[in-house]
Structure formats: structure tokens, C-alpha cells
Amino acid sequence: MTLRTIAKALGASALALGLVCTAAQARQTSNPRNDVDSQQLRGILDQNGDVTNVRSFGHDGWFDRVAVSGVIRIMGTISNRTISNVEQGDPAQRPVSAFYHKHTSDIAVENAEVNFDAQVNCWTRAHLVINGDDPLRLSLDSNDQDHSRFVSKHDGRRFDVDEAYVTFANFAQSPFYGTIGRQYVPFGNYERHRVIPLFTTVLSETQATAAKIGFIMNNGLQASAYAFSESAPSDNVRRNRVENWGVDLGFTGGDTTFAYNLGIGYLRNMADVDAISNAINPASTLFLPAGWEHRVHAWSGYVHLTGGPWLFNVDYTGAGRNFDATDLPFKDGGAGAGTGEARPRAWSIEGGYNFSSWGHDSTVAIGYERTREALALLLPRSEYHVSYTVDLLKNTSLQLEVARHNNYSDNDYTQTYANNFGIDDVKQHKWIGAALLQVDFA
């Protein structure tokens, strides 16, 4: 699973809380909020999981122990500007990106997933997500060659094993669990009511083959620690070592009147975040050297509140120190071209309201986001947006969103960056309109 738009979603069912063999083993909960309802706990175990179509496992045969679900997302976009790969100046120059005044529009199958969950025994569950897309360039994608979140251009269909992991847990017996395999590590929080991904998501989503251990208490307290193989540094001396790790701590609770979801996270080396790893990779359009110069730790935090029909979310993700200028540059630094060091950070605030429109469940949301020193990732300086989501039919929803992007000024560019990207007018701003039709099935 590459970095997703709301769109890119969130994969399929995390059923680890159903890891019991008989009904008698299941814990009894008098209040689904105070005891942490199973849907939220599933989300804790697989924050990228779409748990709307989970069904119970039977025990009559192997097929009854396998759940199949999926999702199809079709997206349309329109914008008053675009970024395209072009040759500028000397024909011998490599392709660079430049802003154009031309508008862009597109329709594509943004994401299609099939999800398999197998209850192997009382303690073991296998989870597999097969993902295919014909992606709009609306998200920083770990396989894209152009890392702008805002380019609407197809780059070929892909077919991936997005997630493949095994979970060992039986919450009827113990609050502890372990997960190993290809997964999205719990750095940051991806809950949102948007078509276009949050800047905090761009700076936090990390896919890795990792080992994770943790616990989930009935009172809503949860924590986990994980480790995975770190990408190689610039000297290429250390390879294939499990040297990157992180921890997260969260607390979920409340009732139907008021509910909360709070959490903080730490990642030892932010260079392994999907978007940043791509930027440092020489295959990207950033044309920067391969491998990172030094580790940069990162922090994430979120506060998500629900009060009756109202929603309020605050998210933060940021580097704890500067990257080396050869990894992620920002400004000149006053000591020659390209010597400025970036410390990318992002925060977002969003409010929403749930209501019924013509008998259909709906949500309207408005939000504001801002980044600092994230120019090398081609993120805008700020954005404000408004969105509307409506459940048209059972398991069928439509999301509409309009966003305004305000870009960095030309004072924020290094000469190296300008040479590589050839951006003539960096003060141009941008409007984006997006619509997402989503169909879930099980």
C-alpha cells in the first residue's frame, strides 16, 4: 500500500480482536465505548484497515475461517494548475518539473483492493491485501517517480501485495499481541474525512516488513513497539540491519455523547518514511544522492474528539532535527548554493459535523494545514479545504472536496533545488477539486 489519498485507503479488515475459538472465550463488555469497542481496537492493530465489512468466522471448515472483503475507489480531479515533467534549457539536462498555468483534470481507478483474513487457530491470524491501482498523482506514492502530491497523471497500472502479516493474539486470554510481516507501522494516525491526504500523513506513513509487539487494555490504553530493517546510509556500509524502530502510545475511550482518541509516536529514523525515503532515493525527481547522511528522529501526535454529531481533529508530525542538506535542502543557508538543511514538519486542524441529508448519513468538514521546511517534498506551505461525504447506498459513498494550496516563496528555494526543478514562478497558488466514489464489498 503506497501513500494514499483518503482514497488510498485503508485496506481491509483487522480482525485480531476476534481471535477466539468459542463464544465462551470472548470478553463481555457492558459499554462499547468504555471497554473500547471492537471496531476501534481493530483500527489500533491495523490503522490502515477498512473494518466496515468485517464478518465473523465460522468453524465448520477452512473456508469458514477465511473472510474476503475489498474496496474500489474511483476518483476524478480538476485543478487550475499542474506540474509536469519537461525538459528546460539545455536538451542535455535531465527532466525537471515546472509549474504551468494550464489546468488539469482526470478520472482514474485510484485504488482497488482485495483483502483476505484467515483465522488459523485460537491465537494465529493471517492477513493479506492485494492492491491494484491506476493512480492519480494526488499522493506521495512510494512507487511514483514524480513525488508531487498534486500531479494528475497516470503512471501505469500496478499490482502489489500491499500487506502480508501474521498476528498472534487472543484477547480473551491476554491483552498482549505480536505481529510480523509487511505492514504499516503505527507512526502517526491516518483517520481523516478527506479525499486528499493530510500533510501529516505524507510525513508519517511508513510501510515496512516489521516485527511489532504491544498490548491493548479494555480501558482503552494501548501501546506498541516495532523494529524493521533500516535503509542504507550514504556510505552504504551498513545494509540489511534491523536498526530502525519506533514506539507509540494511545488512549481511546468515551461513549456516544463524547469520545476521544489520543496518541503520540516516536520513530528513530525519519528517512524511512515512504515519502522521505523516495526523496532521498536517486530514482526520484529530486536528483539527490543515494542514502542518508545522518539519522533524523521524528515525533507524531494526534487528538481526535467526537461530541455528539461534532468532530474535531488535530494532528502533528515532524522531524526532531535537521536533515543534511544533501538529503533534504531548504533555502540557501548563506554559505553557498544548496547548503540549507530542512527540518520538515506539518500540522493540521479539522472540524466536522455529521448529519442526515435526504435520509442519507453525511459529513461536512473544514480544515487547515501547514508545513514548515517541506519544500523538498513538494508540499505546499499551507492548505485550507472543505469536504462533503454522503452515503449514497449501503457500502457506497461519495466524497467531494475543494482545497486551496499556498506555495512556498522563492526565498525558500536553494540554487541546487532551482537548478534541478527549474521552477519559474514559485509563488503560484493552486485550487484542487476532487470527487471520490467508494464501494466496499464483503
Protein backbone atom coordinates (compact mmCIF):
# COMPACT_ATOMS: atom_id res chain seq x y z
CA MET A 1 0.00 0.00 0.00
CA THR A 2 1.51 3.22 -1.11
CA LEU A 3 0.79 6.55 0.44
CA ARG A 4 -2.86 7.01 -0.04
CA THR A 5 -5.31 9.70 -0.51
CA ILE A 6 -8.25 9.23 1.69
CA ALA A 7 -8.71 7.36 -1.11
CA LYS A 8 -5.87 5.10 -0.79
CA ALA A 9 -7.31 3.95 2.00
CA LEU A 10 -7.23 1.95 4.39
CA GLY A 11 -7.16 -1.67 3.34
CA ALA A 12 -9.22 -4.40 4.81
CA SER A 13 -10.39 -5.83 7.98
CA ALA A 14 -8.21 -6.12 11.03
CA LEU A 15 -9.89 -8.92 12.89
CA ALA A 16 -7.40 -9.55 15.63
CA LEU A 17 -9.96 -8.85 18.30
CA GLY A 18 -11.98 -11.76 17.06
CA LEU A 19 -9.20 -14.20 17.78
CA VAL A 20 -11.23 -16.54 19.95
CA CYS A 21 -12.28 -20.09 19.30
CA THR A 22 -15.59 -20.15 21.12
CA ALA A 23 -18.09 -17.57 22.22
CA ALA A 24 -17.41 -18.52 25.81
CA GLN A 25 -13.87 -17.22 25.47
CA ALA A 26 -14.96 -13.76 24.41
CA ARG A 27 -14.77 -10.95 26.91
CA GLN A 28 -18.05 -9.32 27.88
CA THR A 29 -18.32 -5.55 27.53
CA SER A 30 -21.16 -3.60 29.04
CA ASN A 31 -20.29 -0.34 27.28
CA PRO A 32 -18.66 -0.49 23.83
CA ARG A 33 -17.00 2.90 24.38
CA ASN A 34 -15.80 2.46 27.96
CA ASP A 35 -14.46 -1.00 27.20
CA VAL A 36 -13.09 0.14 23.85
CA ASP A 37 -15.34 -1.12 21.09
CA SER A 38 -14.03 -3.80 18.78
CA GLN A 39 -14.02 -1.58 15.71
CA GLN A 40 -11.63 0.87 17.37
CA LEU A 41 -9.39 -1.92 18.60
CA ARG A 42 -9.21 -3.38 15.12
CA GLY A 43 -8.15 0.03 13.92
CA ILE A 44 -5.39 0.13 16.53
CA LEU A 45 -3.98 -3.15 15.26
CA ASP A 46 -4.26 -2.14 11.61
CA GLN A 47 -4.69 1.60 11.31
CA ASN A 48 -4.91 1.22 7.55
CA GLY A 49 -7.72 -1.30 7.79
CA ASP A 50 -11.22 -0.67 6.48
CA VAL A 51 -13.26 -2.54 9.06
CA THR A 52 -16.70 -1.71 7.72
CA ASN A 53 -17.18 -5.08 6.06
CA VAL A 54 -15.86 -7.48 8.65
CA ARG A 55 -17.83 -10.66 9.19
CA SER A 56 -17.47 -13.33 11.84
CA PHE A 57 -15.56 -16.51 11.25
CA GLY A 58 -17.23 -19.87 11.41
CA HIS A 59 -15.56 -23.12 12.38
CA ASP A 60 -17.11 -25.72 10.13
CA GLY A 61 -14.26 -25.78 7.63
CA TRP A 62 -11.26 -23.90 6.33
CA PHE A 63 -13.38 -21.72 4.06
CA ASP A 64 -15.47 -20.62 7.05
CA ARG A 65 -12.30 -19.38 8.69
CA VAL A 66 -11.41 -17.07 5.80
CA ALA A 67 -13.02 -13.66 5.34
CA VAL A 68 -12.81 -11.87 2.00
CA SER A 69 -13.55 -8.17 1.56
CA GLY A 70 -12.45 -5.32 -0.63
CA VAL A 71 -12.93 -1.83 -1.92
CA ILE A 72 -12.96 0.00 -5.24
CA ARG A 73 -12.30 3.75 -5.39
CA ILE A 74 -12.80 5.82 -8.49
CA MET A 75 -11.56 9.41 -8.34
CA GLY A 76 -11.96 12.46 -10.52
CA THR A 77 -9.92 15.64 -10.14
CA ILE A 78 -9.69 19.10 -11.61
CA SER A 79 -7.18 21.86 -10.91
CA ASN A 80 -6.25 25.27 -12.27
CA ARG A 81 -2.54 24.35 -12.40
CA THR A 82 -0.39 21.27 -12.75
CA ILE A 83 3.22 20.16 -12.51
CA SER A 84 4.64 18.25 -15.45
CA ASN A 85 7.96 16.62 -16.27
CA VAL A 86 9.59 18.69 -19.01
CA GLU A 87 12.99 19.49 -20.44
CA GLN A 88 14.10 23.06 -19.89
CA GLY A 89 17.01 24.94 -21.41
CA ASP A 90 19.83 22.68 -22.47
CA PRO A 91 18.39 19.50 -24.08
CA ALA A 92 21.13 17.54 -22.35
CA GLN A 93 19.62 18.40 -18.98
CA ARG A 94 17.67 15.71 -17.20
CA PRO A 95 13.89 16.13 -16.89
CA VAL A 96 12.80 18.68 -14.35
CA SER A 97 9.44 19.83 -13.03
CA ALA A 98 7.85 23.18 -13.68
CA PHE A 99 4.61 24.89 -12.83
CA TYR A 100 2.23 25.52 -15.68
CA HIS A 101 -0.72 27.84 -15.97
CA LYS A 102 -2.74 25.16 -17.76
CA HIS A 103 -5.48 23.44 -15.83
CA THR A 104 -5.61 19.68 -15.44
CA SER A 105 -8.37 17.10 -14.98
CA ASP A 106 -8.52 13.34 -14.77
CA ILE A 107 -10.60 10.25 -13.94
CA ALA A 108 -8.97 7.06 -12.74
CA VAL A 109 -9.36 3.92 -10.66
CA GLU A 110 -7.49 5.36 -7.74
CA ASN A 111 -7.41 2.15 -5.76
CA ALA A 112 -8.79 -1.40 -5.81
CA GLU A 113 -8.10 -3.87 -3.04
CA VAL A 114 -8.97 -7.43 -2.15
CA ASN A 115 -8.41 -8.42 1.45
CA PHE A 116 -8.08 -11.88 2.95
CA ASP A 117 -8.15 -12.67 6.67
CA ALA A 118 -7.69 -16.25 7.83
CA GLN A 119 -8.35 -17.47 11.37
CA VAL A 120 -5.72 -20.18 11.55
CA ASN A 121 -6.30 -21.11 15.19
CA CYS A 122 -7.19 -19.55 18.52
CA TRP A 123 -4.00 -17.47 18.56
CA THR A 124 -2.99 -17.02 14.93
CA ARG A 125 -4.46 -14.90 12.16
CA ALA A 126 -3.04 -14.29 8.68
CA HIS A 127 -3.79 -11.04 6.84
CA LEU A 128 -3.18 -10.39 3.13
CA VAL A 129 -4.03 -7.34 0.99
CA ILE A 130 -3.67 -7.38 -2.79
CA ASN A 131 -3.74 -3.89 -4.20
CA GLY A 132 -4.03 -2.62 -7.74
CA ASP A 133 -4.33 0.95 -8.97
CA ASP A 134 -4.17 3.27 -11.94
CA PRO A 135 -3.16 6.14 -9.70
CA LEU A 136 -3.88 9.80 -9.95
CA ARG A 137 -0.81 11.73 -8.89
CA LEU A 138 -2.57 13.09 -5.85
CA SER A 139 -0.46 11.36 -3.27
CA LEU A 140 3.16 10.83 -2.46
CA ASP A 141 3.47 7.28 -3.64
CA SER A 142 6.37 5.03 -2.78
CA ASN A 143 6.46 3.76 -6.35
CA ASP A 144 5.94 7.05 -8.16
CA GLN A 145 8.85 8.70 -9.93
CA ASP A 146 7.34 12.16 -9.53
CA HIS A 147 6.76 12.86 -5.87
CA SER A 148 4.32 15.72 -6.13
CA ARG A 149 1.04 15.02 -4.38
CA PHE A 150 -0.69 17.29 -6.81
CA VAL A 151 0.03 15.98 -10.28
CA SER A 152 -2.91 14.40 -12.05
CA LYS A 153 -1.22 12.00 -14.44
CA HIS A 154 -1.26 8.23 -14.85
CA ASP A 155 1.99 6.35 -14.50
CA GLY A 156 0.82 2.87 -15.36
CA ARG A 157 -1.22 0.26 -13.57
CA ARG A 158 0.34 -1.60 -10.69
CA PHE A 159 -0.43 -4.80 -8.85
CA ASP A 160 1.01 -5.28 -5.37
CA VAL A 161 0.97 -7.44 -2.31
CA ASP A 162 0.26 -4.46 -0.13
CA GLU A 163 0.18 -6.13 3.26
CA ALA A 164 1.11 -9.64 4.33
CA TYR A 165 1.49 -10.32 8.03
CA VAL A 166 0.65 -12.74 10.80
CA THR A 167 -0.82 -11.69 14.14
CA PHE A 168 -0.52 -13.76 17.30
CA ALA A 169 -3.19 -12.74 19.80
CA ASN A 170 -6.11 -13.99 21.84
CA PHE A 171 -7.67 -11.11 23.70
CA ALA A 172 -9.91 -13.47 25.61
CA GLN A 173 -6.74 -14.76 27.26
CA SER A 174 -4.26 -11.87 27.21
CA PRO A 175 -4.08 -8.17 26.27
CA PHE A 176 -0.74 -8.70 24.52
CA TYR A 177 -0.22 -9.37 20.82
CA GLY A 178 2.55 -9.69 18.26
CA THR A 179 2.59 -9.01 14.51
CA ILE A 180 5.26 -9.80 11.95
CA GLY A 181 5.34 -9.20 8.20
CA ARG A 182 4.75 -6.47 5.64
CA GLN A 183 2.67 -3.76 7.28
CA TYR A 184 2.27 -0.06 8.01
CA VAL A 185 3.99 0.73 11.29
CA PRO A 186 1.97 2.75 13.82
CA PHE A 187 3.70 6.09 13.36
CA GLY A 188 1.11 8.86 13.10
CA ASN A 189 -2.63 8.44 12.70
CA TYR A 190 -4.41 8.19 9.37
CA GLU A 191 -8.01 8.78 10.40
CA ARG A 192 -9.46 11.61 8.38
CA HIS A 193 -12.52 12.77 6.46
CA ARG A 194 -10.73 13.88 3.32
CA VAL A 195 -10.16 12.88 -0.28
CA ILE A 196 -6.69 14.44 -0.49
CA PRO A 197 -4.28 13.17 2.20
CA LEU A 198 -3.19 15.27 5.13
CA PHE A 199 0.33 16.69 5.11
CA THR A 200 0.89 14.89 8.42
CA THR A 201 0.08 11.62 6.67
CA VAL A 202 2.66 12.36 3.96
CA LEU A 203 5.30 12.83 6.66
CA SER A 204 4.36 9.75 8.67
CA GLU A 205 3.11 6.83 6.55
CA THR A 206 5.77 4.12 6.70
CA GLN A 207 5.47 0.71 5.10
CA ALA A 208 7.98 -1.90 6.22
CA THR A 209 8.49 -5.58 6.88
CA ALA A 210 8.48 -5.25 10.63
CA ALA A 211 8.08 -7.09 13.90
CA LYS A 212 5.71 -5.46 16.38
CA ILE A 213 4.65 -6.27 19.92
CA GLY A 214 2.08 -4.46 22.00
CA PHE A 215 -0.90 -4.57 24.29
CA ILE A 216 -4.48 -3.33 24.23
CA MET A 217 -6.35 -2.89 27.50
CA ASN A 218 -10.11 -2.92 27.92
CA ASN A 219 -9.95 0.60 29.37
CA GLY A 220 -8.64 1.92 26.04
CA LEU A 221 -4.93 2.17 26.83
CA GLN A 222 -2.70 0.71 24.13
CA ALA A 223 1.00 0.75 23.29
CA SER A 224 3.33 -0.97 20.87
CA ALA A 225 6.98 -1.15 19.86
CA TYR A 226 8.25 -2.19 16.46
CA ALA A 227 11.51 -2.68 14.57
CA PHE A 228 12.45 -3.11 10.93
CA SER A 229 15.44 -3.07 8.58
CA GLU A 230 16.82 0.41 8.10
CA SER A 231 17.58 1.88 4.69
CA ALA A 232 21.27 2.22 3.88
CA PRO A 233 23.19 5.39 4.80
CA SER A 234 25.17 7.30 2.17
CA ASP A 235 28.37 5.38 2.87
CA ASN A 236 26.50 2.15 2.04
CA VAL A 237 28.47 0.34 4.73
CA ARG A 238 25.51 -0.90 6.76
CA ARG A 239 22.87 -2.85 4.85
CA ASN A 240 20.09 -5.20 5.86
CA ARG A 241 20.25 -4.43 9.55
CA VAL A 242 17.24 -4.15 11.81
CA GLU A 243 18.24 -0.78 13.22
CA ASN A 244 15.16 1.39 12.80
CA TRP A 245 12.48 1.22 15.45
CA GLY A 246 9.64 3.15 16.99
CA VAL A 247 7.09 3.20 19.77
CA ASP A 248 3.57 4.53 20.09
CA LEU A 249 1.19 5.12 22.98
CA GLY A 250 -2.51 5.78 22.68
CA PHE A 251 -5.68 6.06 24.69
CA THR A 252 -9.22 5.64 23.37
CA GLY A 253 -12.45 5.95 25.28
CA GLY A 254 -15.72 7.74 25.87
CA ASP A 255 -19.31 7.00 24.99
CA THR A 256 -21.89 8.01 22.40
CA THR A 257 -22.03 11.52 23.87
CA PHE A 258 -18.31 12.19 23.93
CA ALA A 259 -15.40 10.06 22.68
CA TYR A 260 -11.68 10.61 22.30
CA ASN A 261 -8.68 9.06 20.58
CA LEU A 262 -5.29 10.38 21.70
CA GLY A 263 -1.78 9.26 20.86
CA ILE A 264 1.90 10.03 20.47
CA GLY A 265 4.60 8.23 18.49
CA TYR A 266 8.36 8.19 18.01
CA LEU A 267 10.41 6.95 15.03
CA ARG A 268 14.18 6.58 15.28
CA ASN A 269 14.96 7.46 11.64
CA MET A 270 12.50 9.51 9.59
CA ALA A 271 14.48 8.71 6.43
CA ASP A 272 12.42 5.51 6.19
CA VAL A 273 9.08 7.31 5.96
CA ASP A 274 7.82 6.43 2.48
CA ALA A 275 7.78 9.96 1.08
CA ILE A 276 11.18 10.92 2.51
CA SER A 277 12.79 7.65 1.50
CA ASN A 278 11.68 8.31 -2.06
CA ALA A 279 13.07 11.83 -1.96
CA ILE A 280 16.49 10.61 -0.88
CA ASN A 281 16.40 7.75 -3.40
CA PRO A 282 18.27 8.72 -6.62
CA ALA A 283 15.41 7.34 -8.74
CA SER A 284 13.23 10.24 -7.65
CA THR A 285 12.97 13.55 -9.47
CA LEU A 286 14.83 15.24 -6.62
CA PHE A 287 18.15 14.02 -8.06
CA LEU A 288 19.74 13.85 -4.65
CA PRO A 289 22.50 11.44 -3.59
CA ALA A 290 21.52 7.93 -2.53
CA GLY A 291 21.35 7.19 1.18
CA TRP A 292 21.00 9.45 4.19
CA GLU A 293 23.88 11.30 5.83
CA HIS A 294 22.68 11.03 9.43
CA ARG A 295 19.64 9.74 11.28
CA VAL A 296 16.78 12.13 11.96
CA HIS A 297 14.32 11.09 14.64
CA ALA A 298 10.68 12.13 14.38
CA TRP A 299 7.62 12.65 16.56
CA SER A 300 3.92 12.38 15.88
CA GLY A 301 0.86 13.21 17.92
CA TYR A 302 -2.89 13.42 17.48
CA VAL A 303 -6.03 14.41 19.37
CA HIS A 304 -9.32 13.27 17.85
CA LEU A 305 -12.55 14.19 19.63
CA THR A 306 -16.20 13.37 18.92
CA GLY A 307 -19.05 15.09 20.74
CA GLY A 308 -22.48 14.06 19.51
CA PRO A 309 -22.53 14.96 15.80
CA TRP A 310 -19.39 17.13 16.02
CA LEU A 311 -15.86 16.08 15.13
CA PHE A 312 -12.56 17.79 15.97
CA ASN A 313 -9.11 16.54 14.94
CA VAL A 314 -5.59 17.89 15.48
CA ASP A 315 -2.55 16.07 14.04
CA TYR A 316 1.18 16.76 14.09
CA THR A 317 4.21 15.05 12.52
CA GLY A 318 7.71 16.47 12.46
CA ALA A 319 11.43 15.81 12.37
CA GLY A 320 13.29 16.23 15.63
CA ARG A 321 16.41 17.67 13.98
CA ASN A 322 17.62 18.92 10.59
CA PHE A 323 18.32 16.60 7.69
CA ASP A 324 21.64 17.02 5.96
CA ALA A 325 21.36 19.47 3.05
CA THR A 326 22.32 16.72 0.62
CA ASP A 327 19.27 14.74 1.78
CA LEU A 328 16.57 17.41 2.08
CA PRO A 329 17.60 21.02 1.29
CA PHE A 330 15.77 24.18 2.30
CA LYS A 331 16.86 27.73 1.49
CA ASP A 332 20.47 28.67 0.83
CA GLY A 333 21.79 28.76 4.37
CA GLY A 334 24.03 31.70 3.47
CA ALA A 335 27.08 29.55 2.74
CA GLY A 336 26.65 28.66 -0.89
CA ALA A 337 24.05 27.03 -3.10
CA GLY A 338 22.16 24.16 -1.62
CA THR A 339 23.63 24.23 1.89
CA GLY A 340 20.37 24.89 3.75
CA GLU A 341 19.15 21.97 5.86
CA ALA A 342 15.46 21.07 6.08
CA ARG A 343 13.59 20.01 9.18
CA PRO A 344 10.17 19.06 7.73
CA ARG A 345 7.13 19.41 9.98
CA ALA A 346 3.39 19.53 9.44
CA TRP A 347 0.27 20.05 11.48
CA SER A 348 -3.42 20.03 10.68
CA ILE A 349 -6.67 21.01 12.34
CA GLU A 350 -10.08 19.91 11.15
CA GLY A 351 -13.66 20.17 12.35
CA GLY A 352 -16.68 18.31 11.06
CA TYR A 353 -20.37 17.73 11.56
CA ASN A 354 -22.40 14.55 10.98
CA PHE A 355 -25.99 14.90 9.83
CA SER A 356 -28.65 13.36 7.64
CA SER A 357 -29.29 14.78 4.18
CA TRP A 358 -32.40 13.45 2.45
CA GLY A 359 -32.24 10.36 4.63
CA HIS A 360 -28.54 9.64 3.94
CA ASP A 361 -25.75 9.82 6.52
CA SER A 362 -23.50 12.76 5.67
CA THR A 363 -20.46 14.60 6.98
CA VAL A 364 -19.22 18.08 6.21
CA ALA A 365 -15.72 19.10 7.30
CA ILE A 366 -13.45 22.12 7.06
CA GLY A 367 -9.77 22.24 7.87
CA TYR A 368 -6.43 24.00 7.68
CA GLU A 369 -2.93 22.53 7.30
CA ARG A 370 0.55 23.97 7.36
CA THR A 371 4.06 22.70 6.73
CA ARG A 372 7.49 24.00 7.59
CA GLU A 373 10.62 23.31 5.56
CA ALA A 374 8.87 20.62 3.47
CA LEU A 375 9.66 22.15 0.10
CA ALA A 376 11.96 19.32 -0.98
CA LEU A 377 8.94 17.01 -0.70
CA LEU A 378 6.95 19.34 -3.00
CA LEU A 379 4.39 20.03 -0.29
CA PRO A 380 2.71 23.45 -0.19
CA ARG A 381 3.35 25.80 2.68
CA SER A 382 -0.33 25.72 3.67
CA GLU A 383 -3.74 24.47 2.62
CA TYR A 384 -7.35 25.03 3.58
CA HIS A 385 -10.10 22.73 2.45
CA VAL A 386 -13.78 21.86 2.74
CA SER A 387 -15.29 18.42 2.12
CA TYR A 388 -18.66 16.71 1.98
CA THR A 389 -19.27 12.96 2.29
CA VAL A 390 -22.58 11.18 1.79
CA ASP A 391 -23.54 7.51 1.99
CA LEU A 392 -25.47 7.13 -1.24
CA LEU A 393 -26.37 3.48 -0.72
CA LYS A 394 -25.30 0.65 1.55
CA ASN A 395 -21.49 0.38 1.35
CA THR A 396 -21.43 3.08 -1.34
CA SER A 397 -20.25 6.61 -0.57
CA LEU A 398 -19.36 9.78 -2.45
CA GLN A 399 -16.81 12.31 -1.19
CA LEU A 400 -16.36 15.79 -2.62
CA GLU A 401 -13.53 18.12 -1.68
CA VAL A 402 -12.17 21.53 -2.65
CA ALA A 403 -8.69 22.57 -1.49
CA ARG A 404 -6.57 25.69 -1.84
CA HIS A 405 -2.78 25.28 -1.80
CA ASN A 406 -0.48 28.19 -0.96
CA ASN A 407 3.09 27.51 -2.06
CA TYR A 408 6.45 28.44 -0.60
CA SER A 409 8.02 31.70 -1.68
CA ASP A 410 11.05 31.91 -3.97
CA ASN A 411 13.17 32.90 -0.95
CA ASP A 412 12.77 29.34 0.33
CA TYR A 413 14.48 27.68 -2.65
CA THR A 414 18.10 26.63 -2.81
CA GLN A 415 20.00 27.21 -6.01
CA THR A 416 20.51 23.45 -6.28
CA TYR A 417 16.76 22.95 -6.00
CA ALA A 418 16.08 25.62 -8.62
CA ASN A 419 18.59 24.05 -11.00
CA ASN A 420 17.03 20.63 -10.59
CA PHE A 421 13.41 21.72 -10.83
CA GLY A 422 13.54 24.84 -12.97
CA ILE A 423 10.53 26.39 -11.23
CA ASP A 424 9.99 29.84 -12.69
CA ASP A 425 7.23 31.21 -10.50
CA VAL A 426 7.15 29.52 -7.12
CA LYS A 427 4.58 31.97 -5.76
CA GLN A 428 1.80 30.47 -7.82
CA HIS A 429 -1.04 29.00 -5.80
CA LYS A 430 -3.44 26.27 -6.71
CA TRP A 431 -7.06 25.15 -6.46
CA ILE A 432 -7.95 21.46 -6.49
CA GLY A 433 -11.38 19.87 -6.76
CA ALA A 434 -11.75 16.13 -6.19
CA ALA A 435 -14.56 13.57 -6.10
CA LEU A 436 -14.22 10.01 -4.85
CA LEU A 437 -16.75 7.21 -5.35
CA GLN A 438 -16.08 4.33 -2.97
CA VAL A 439 -17.73 0.90 -3.00
CA ASP A 440 -16.97 -1.59 -0.21
CA PHE A 441 -17.80 -5.25 -0.54
CA ALA A 442 -17.51 -8.38 1.54
